[in-house]
C-alpha atoms as a PDB file:
ATOM      1  CA  GLY A   1      -5.276   4.798  17.713  1.00  0.00           C
ATOM      2  CA  ASN A   2      -5.891   8.118  16.036  1.00  0.00           C
ATOM      3  CA  LEU A   3      -7.226   9.632  19.251  1.00  0.00           C
ATOM      4  CA  CYS A   4      -3.970   8.587  20.982  1.00  0.00           C
ATOM      5  CA  LEU A   5      -1.954  10.037  18.141  1.00  0.00           C
ATOM      6  CA  SER A   6      -3.776  13.380  18.440  1.00  0.00           C
ATOM      7  CA  GLN A   7      -2.878  13.504  22.122  1.00  0.00           C
ATOM      8  CA  LYS A   8       0.811  12.585  21.425  1.00  0.00           C
ATOM      9  CA  MET A   9       0.370   9.191  23.051  1.00  0.00           C
ATOM     10  CA  ASN A  10       2.415   7.407  20.472  1.00  0.00           C
ATOM     11  CA  GLU A  11       3.121   4.193  22.376  1.00  0.00           C
ATOM     12  CA  GLU A  12      -0.565   3.646  23.138  1.00  0.00           C
ATOM     13  CA  ALA A  13      -1.466   4.518  19.561  1.00  0.00           C
ATOM     14  CA  LEU A  14       1.009   1.967  18.290  1.00  0.00           C
ATOM     15  CA  GLU A  15      -0.555  -0.670  20.413  1.00  0.00           C
ATOM     16  CA  CYS A  16      -3.971   0.088  18.972  1.00  0.00           C
ATOM     17  CA  PHE A  17      -2.728   0.148  15.383  1.00  0.00           C
ATOM     18  CA  ARG A  18      -0.720  -3.137  15.826  1.00  0.00           C
ATOM     19  CA  ALA A  19      -3.885  -4.800  17.321  1.00  0.00           C
ATOM     20  CA  GLY A  20      -5.726  -3.550  14.241  1.00  0.00           C
ATOM     21  CA  LEU A  21      -3.210  -5.131  11.950  1.00  0.00           C
ATOM     22  CA  GLU A  22      -3.587  -8.492  13.706  1.00  0.00           C
ATOM     23  CA  ALA A  23      -7.348  -8.289  13.072  1.00  0.00           C
ATOM     24  CA  TRP A  24      -7.154  -6.916   9.482  1.00  0.00           C
ATOM     25  CA  TRP A  25      -4.234  -5.513   7.655  1.00  0.00           C
ATOM     26  CA  GLY A  26      -5.670  -2.358   6.072  1.00  0.00           C
ATOM     27  CA  ILE A  27      -3.854   0.697   4.923  1.00  0.00           C
ATOM     28  CA  ARG A  28      -5.208   2.832   7.750  1.00  0.00           C
ATOM     29  CA  ALA A  29      -3.633   0.549  10.343  1.00  0.00           C
ATOM     30  CA  TYR A  30      -0.334   0.764   8.532  1.00  0.00           C
ATOM     31  CA  GLN A  31      -0.548   4.540   8.266  1.00  0.00           C
ATOM     32  CA  GLY A  32      -1.165   4.656  12.066  1.00  0.00           C
ATOM     33  CA  CYS A  33       1.768   2.412  12.813  1.00  0.00           C
ATOM     34  CA  VAL A  34       4.157   4.472  10.654  1.00  0.00           C
ATOM     35  CA  ARG A  35       2.968   7.740  12.255  1.00  0.00           C
ATOM     36  CA  SER A  36       3.317   6.187  15.705  1.00  0.00           C
ATOM     37  CA  TYR A  37       6.822   4.864  15.059  1.00  0.00           C
ATOM     38  CA  VAL A  38       7.869   8.307  13.606  1.00  0.00           C
ATOM     39  CA  GLY A  39       6.431   9.999  16.681  1.00  0.00           C
ATOM     40  CA  LEU A  40       8.513   7.661  18.872  1.00  0.00           C
ATOM     41  CA  GLN A  41      11.548   8.385  16.678  1.00  0.00           C
ATOM     42  CA  ARG A  42      11.785   4.770  15.684  1.00  0.00           C
ATOM     43  CA  VAL A  43      12.356   5.438  11.983  1.00  0.00           C
ATOM     44  CA  LYS A  44      13.708   2.069  11.029  1.00  0.00           C
ATOM     45  CA  GLU A  45      10.595   0.358  12.378  1.00  0.00           C
ATOM     46  CA  ALA A  46       8.396   2.943  10.573  1.00  0.00           C
ATOM     47  CA  LEU A  47      10.152   2.079   7.346  1.00  0.00           C
ATOM     48  CA  ASN A  48       9.713  -1.629   8.008  1.00  0.00           C
ATOM     49  CA  SER A  49       6.088  -1.186   8.606  1.00  0.00           C
ATOM     50  CA  ALA A  50       5.687   0.928   5.426  1.00  0.00           C
ATOM     51  CA  LYS A  51       7.542  -1.666   3.399  1.00  0.00           C
ATOM     52  CA  GLU A  52       5.278  -4.433   4.811  1.00  0.00           C
ATOM     53  CA  SER A  53       2.251  -2.455   3.727  1.00  0.00           C
ATOM     54  CA  LEU A  54       3.771  -2.160   0.211  1.00  0.00           C
ATOM     55  CA  GLN A  55       4.466  -5.943   0.115  1.00  0.00           C
ATOM     56  CA  ARG A  56       0.846  -6.671   0.943  1.00  0.00           C
ATOM     57  CA  MET A  57      -0.548  -3.986  -1.357  1.00  0.00           C
ATOM     58  CA  PRO A  58       2.022  -3.511  -4.109  1.00  0.00           C
ATOM     59  CA  ARG A  59      -0.125  -1.342  -6.434  1.00  0.00           C
ATOM     60  CA  ASN A  60      -1.439   0.937  -3.676  1.00  0.00           C
ATOM     61  CA  ALA A  61      -0.445   4.588  -3.937  1.00  0.00           C
ATOM     62  CA  LYS A  62      -1.076   5.097  -0.186  1.00  0.00           C
ATOM     63  CA  ALA A  63       1.342   2.234   0.596  1.00  0.00           C
ATOM     64  CA  LEU A  64       3.982   3.767  -1.627  1.00  0.00           C
ATOM     65  CA  SER A  65       3.362   7.106  -0.014  1.00  0.00           C
ATOM     66  CA  LEU A  66       3.964   5.558   3.386  1.00  0.00           C
ATOM     67  CA  VAL A  67       7.376   4.303   2.251  1.00  0.00           C
ATOM     68  CA  GLY A  68       8.191   7.862   1.120  1.00  0.00           C
ATOM     69  CA  GLN A  69       7.038   9.269   4.513  1.00  0.00           C
ATOM     70  CA  ALA A  70       9.286   6.878   6.380  1.00  0.00           C
ATOM     71  CA  LEU A  71      12.203   7.461   4.073  1.00  0.00           C
ATOM     72  CA  SER A  72      11.825  11.198   4.402  1.00  0.00           C
ATOM     73  CA  GLN A  73      12.650  10.949   8.106  1.00  0.00           C
ATOM     74  CA  LEU A  74      16.189  10.042   7.233  1.00  0.00           C
ATOM     75  CA  PRO A  75      18.025  12.982   5.643  1.00  0.00           C
ATOM     76  CA  GLU A  76      20.243  10.650   3.570  1.00  0.00           C
ATOM     77  CA  CYS A  77      17.078   8.980   2.054  1.00  0.00           C
ATOM     78  CA  ARG A  78      15.171  12.070   0.989  1.00  0.00           C
ATOM     79  CA  ASP A  79      15.949  11.405  -2.699  1.00  0.00           C
ATOM     80  CA  LYS A  80      14.553   7.874  -2.317  1.00  0.00           C
ATOM     81  CA  ALA A  81      11.509   9.398  -0.602  1.00  0.00           C
ATOM     82  CA  LYS A  82      10.905  11.588  -3.612  1.00  0.00           C
ATOM     83  CA  VAL A  83      11.090   8.571  -5.929  1.00  0.00           C
ATOM     84  CA  ALA A  84       8.517   6.746  -3.809  1.00  0.00           C
ATOM     85  CA  PHE A  85       6.237   9.810  -3.927  1.00  0.00           C
ATOM     86  CA  ASP A  86       6.641  10.097  -7.679  1.00  0.00           C
ATOM     87  CA  LYS A  87       5.713   6.440  -8.150  1.00  0.00           C
ATOM     88  CA  ALA A  88       2.719   6.882  -5.845  1.00  0.00           C
ATOM     89  CA  GLN A  89       1.546   9.827  -7.953  1.00  0.00           C
ATOM     90  CA  GLN A  90       1.922   7.870 -11.121  1.00  0.00           C
ATOM     91  CA  LEU A  91      -0.249   5.039  -9.660  1.00  0.00           C
ATOM     92  CA  ASN A  92      -2.886   7.500  -8.519  1.00  0.00           C
ATOM     93  CA  PRO A  93      -2.488  11.228  -9.325  1.00  0.00           C
ATOM     94  CA  MET A  94      -5.501  12.019  -7.174  1.00  0.00           C
ATOM     95  CA  CYS A  95      -4.138  10.441  -3.973  1.00  0.00           C
ATOM     96  CA  SER A  96      -4.326  13.225  -1.380  1.00  0.00           C
ATOM     97  CA  ASP A  97      -2.147  11.221   1.033  1.00  0.00           C
ATOM     98  CA  THR A  98       0.768  11.492  -1.370  1.00  0.00           C
ATOM     99  CA  VAL A  99       0.330  15.234  -1.932  1.00  0.00           C
ATOM    100  CA  LEU A 100       0.002  15.903   1.807  1.00  0.00           C
ATOM    101  CA  ALA A 101       3.062  13.820   2.583  1.00  0.00           C
ATOM    102  CA  GLN A 102       5.101  15.687   0.039  1.00  0.00           C
ATOM    103  CA  VAL A 103       4.063  19.029   1.588  1.00  0.00           C
ATOM    104  CA  ASP A 104       5.074  17.750   5.036  1.00  0.00           C
ATOM    105  CA  VAL A 105       8.459  16.844   3.675  1.00  0.00           C
ATOM    106  CA  LEU A 106       8.885  20.269   2.117  1.00  0.00           C
ATOM    107  CA  LEU A 107       7.934  21.902   5.434  1.00  0.00           C
ATOM    108  CA  GLN A 108      10.465  19.752   7.279  1.00  0.00           C
ATOM    109  CA  GLN A 109      13.206  20.789   4.882  1.00  0.00           C
ATOM    110  CA  ASP A 110      12.375  24.449   5.495  1.00  0.00           C
ATOM    111  CA  LYS A 111      12.878  24.124   9.249  1.00  0.00           C
END
């Protein structure tokens, strides 16, 4: 899946990550699904996938960060994304995924 994502083959990547979720629902598979959906400009599906990861792993900073990443794709939800990132940082201040996602959001806003 990650190889497909690196080559901008989002549909193929999504298939790989969804197959991964069927075998075992780990955070990496959810991260790949969210990134694939975002790459396909299917933001609502990205948000649904992120929320599903949070339902399965409610105290996981990476899952909360995924919700923030998906929300940040919708300009009207950027405040909600910030809340999700803040909660993720409270759960795990050392979570690099959260910090990197926040940087991505700031870079998007500068464009």
